[in-house]
Amino acid sequence: MSEISMIIEKIKKFRDERDWMQFHDAKNMAVSIILEASELLEHFQWKTTEEVEKYARQNHAAIKDEIADIALYLFELADNLGIDLIAAMDEKLKKNEMKYPVEKAKGKHTKYNKL
């Protein structure tokens, strides 16, 4: 069993022991991902690049927890919808390679349709 499969099983066990599947429909999971992402973003709000670097070192554990919350919800949502998250990410990277060819996109932050 892969590490991904093992963590998904742990997530489901945690959820099911608490009878929470009833609350974990796709809409609520997507909302939860955004809420947790907002909590992550709050750590960086109003800070300069230098302040962020220092803050991130000093608050590593709290930031790590927020990132983990996002990942837990994301992995569960993908599993609930029957999406192989690793395969989906691999497919998306291939699509992005087509949208952002190195010779056009290297060193630029321009959106693909404006390259």
Protein backbone atom coordinates (compact mmCIF):
# COMPACT_ATOMS: atom_id res chain seq x y z
CA MET A 1 0.00 0.00 0.00
CA SER A 2 1.37 3.42 -0.97
CA GLU A 3 1.81 6.26 1.50
CA ILE A 4 -1.02 8.09 -0.25
CA SER A 5 -3.37 5.12 0.16
CA MET A 6 -2.37 4.78 3.81
CA ILE A 7 -3.09 8.43 4.61
CA ILE A 8 -6.44 8.27 2.81
CA GLU A 9 -7.35 5.22 4.90
CA LYS A 10 -6.36 7.10 8.09
CA ILE A 11 -8.47 10.09 7.03
CA LYS A 12 -11.48 7.88 6.36
CA LYS A 13 -11.04 6.00 9.65
CA PHE A 14 -10.88 9.28 11.58
CA ARG A 15 -13.97 10.58 9.74
CA ASP A 16 -15.98 7.38 10.03
CA GLU A 17 -15.26 6.85 13.73
CA ARG A 18 -16.96 10.22 14.29
CA ASP A 19 -19.82 9.58 11.83
CA TRP A 20 -18.84 12.69 9.88
CA MET A 21 -19.35 11.38 6.34
CA GLN A 22 -22.85 12.84 6.55
CA PHE A 23 -21.23 16.30 6.57
CA HIS A 24 -18.51 15.61 4.00
CA ASP A 25 -20.36 16.13 0.73
CA ALA A 26 -18.43 17.72 -2.14
CA LYS A 27 -19.73 21.26 -1.50
CA ASN A 28 -18.83 21.22 2.19
CA MET A 29 -15.43 19.72 1.50
CA ALA A 30 -14.69 22.37 -1.14
CA VAL A 31 -15.82 25.11 1.25
CA SER A 32 -13.59 23.64 3.96
CA ILE A 33 -10.58 23.67 1.64
CA ILE A 34 -11.12 27.36 0.93
CA LEU A 35 -11.61 28.18 4.61
CA GLU A 36 -8.38 26.41 5.54
CA ALA A 37 -6.55 28.07 2.64
CA SER A 38 -7.78 31.42 3.97
CA GLU A 39 -6.39 30.55 7.40
CA LEU A 40 -3.05 29.78 5.73
CA LEU A 41 -3.15 33.07 3.84
CA GLU A 42 -3.83 34.98 7.05
CA HIS A 43 -0.31 34.10 8.21
CA PHE A 44 1.13 36.13 5.33
CA GLN A 45 -1.33 39.02 5.12
CA TRP A 46 0.18 42.51 5.10
CA LYS A 47 3.76 41.28 5.39
CA THR A 48 6.66 42.15 3.12
CA THR A 49 8.70 39.37 1.54
CA GLU A 50 11.34 39.80 4.24
CA GLU A 51 8.74 39.73 7.02
CA VAL A 52 7.17 36.59 5.54
CA GLU A 53 10.49 34.76 5.50
CA LYS A 54 11.14 35.57 9.17
CA TYR A 55 7.53 34.88 10.20
CA ALA A 56 7.49 31.54 8.38
CA ARG A 57 10.60 30.40 10.26
CA GLN A 58 9.16 31.50 13.61
CA ASN A 59 5.67 30.07 12.98
CA HIS A 60 6.61 26.94 11.05
CA ALA A 61 4.42 24.60 13.14
CA ALA A 62 1.26 26.69 12.75
CA ILE A 63 1.80 27.07 9.00
CA LYS A 64 2.48 23.34 8.71
CA ASP A 65 -0.83 22.61 10.46
CA GLU A 66 -2.77 24.83 8.05
CA ILE A 67 -1.14 23.18 5.04
CA ALA A 68 -1.96 19.76 6.51
CA ASP A 69 -5.61 20.78 7.04
CA ILE A 70 -5.87 21.76 3.37
CA ALA A 71 -4.26 18.51 2.24
CA LEU A 72 -6.48 16.37 4.46
CA TYR A 73 -9.64 17.91 3.04
CA LEU A 74 -8.28 17.78 -0.51
CA PHE A 75 -7.31 14.12 -0.31
CA GLU A 76 -10.66 13.21 1.19
CA LEU A 77 -12.61 15.21 -1.40
CA ALA A 78 -10.71 13.55 -4.23
CA ASP A 79 -11.31 10.12 -2.71
CA ASN A 80 -15.01 10.84 -2.14
CA LEU A 81 -15.35 11.82 -5.82
CA GLY A 82 -13.39 8.82 -7.06
CA ILE A 83 -10.48 10.94 -8.27
CA ASP A 84 -6.96 9.52 -8.15
CA LEU A 85 -5.29 12.70 -6.96
CA ILE A 86 -1.76 11.69 -8.01
CA ALA A 87 -2.95 10.75 -11.52
CA ALA A 88 -4.98 13.98 -11.74
CA MET A 89 -1.95 16.04 -10.73
CA ASP A 90 0.21 14.24 -13.30
CA GLU A 91 -2.37 14.88 -16.02
CA LYS A 92 -2.64 18.54 -15.04
CA LEU A 93 1.15 18.95 -15.17
CA LYS A 94 1.10 17.57 -18.73
CA LYS A 95 -1.65 20.04 -19.68
CA ASN A 96 0.35 22.87 -18.10
CA GLU A 97 3.44 21.84 -20.07
CA MET A 98 1.40 22.39 -23.24
CA LYS A 99 -0.01 25.72 -22.03
CA TYR A 100 3.33 26.99 -20.79
CA PRO A 101 6.11 25.81 -23.13
CA VAL A 102 9.53 26.56 -21.68
CA GLU A 103 10.59 28.66 -24.67
CA LYS A 104 7.63 31.02 -24.13
CA ALA A 105 7.11 30.93 -20.38
CA LYS A 106 10.57 30.72 -18.84
CA GLY A 107 11.09 33.52 -16.33
CA LYS A 108 7.62 34.99 -16.96
CA HIS A 109 4.45 35.02 -14.87
CA THR A 110 2.23 35.78 -17.86
CA LYS A 111 -0.98 33.75 -18.23
CA TYR A 112 -0.82 31.12 -20.97
CA ASN A 113 -3.31 32.89 -23.26
CA LYS A 114 -1.11 36.01 -23.31
CA LEU A 115 2.27 34.40 -23.96
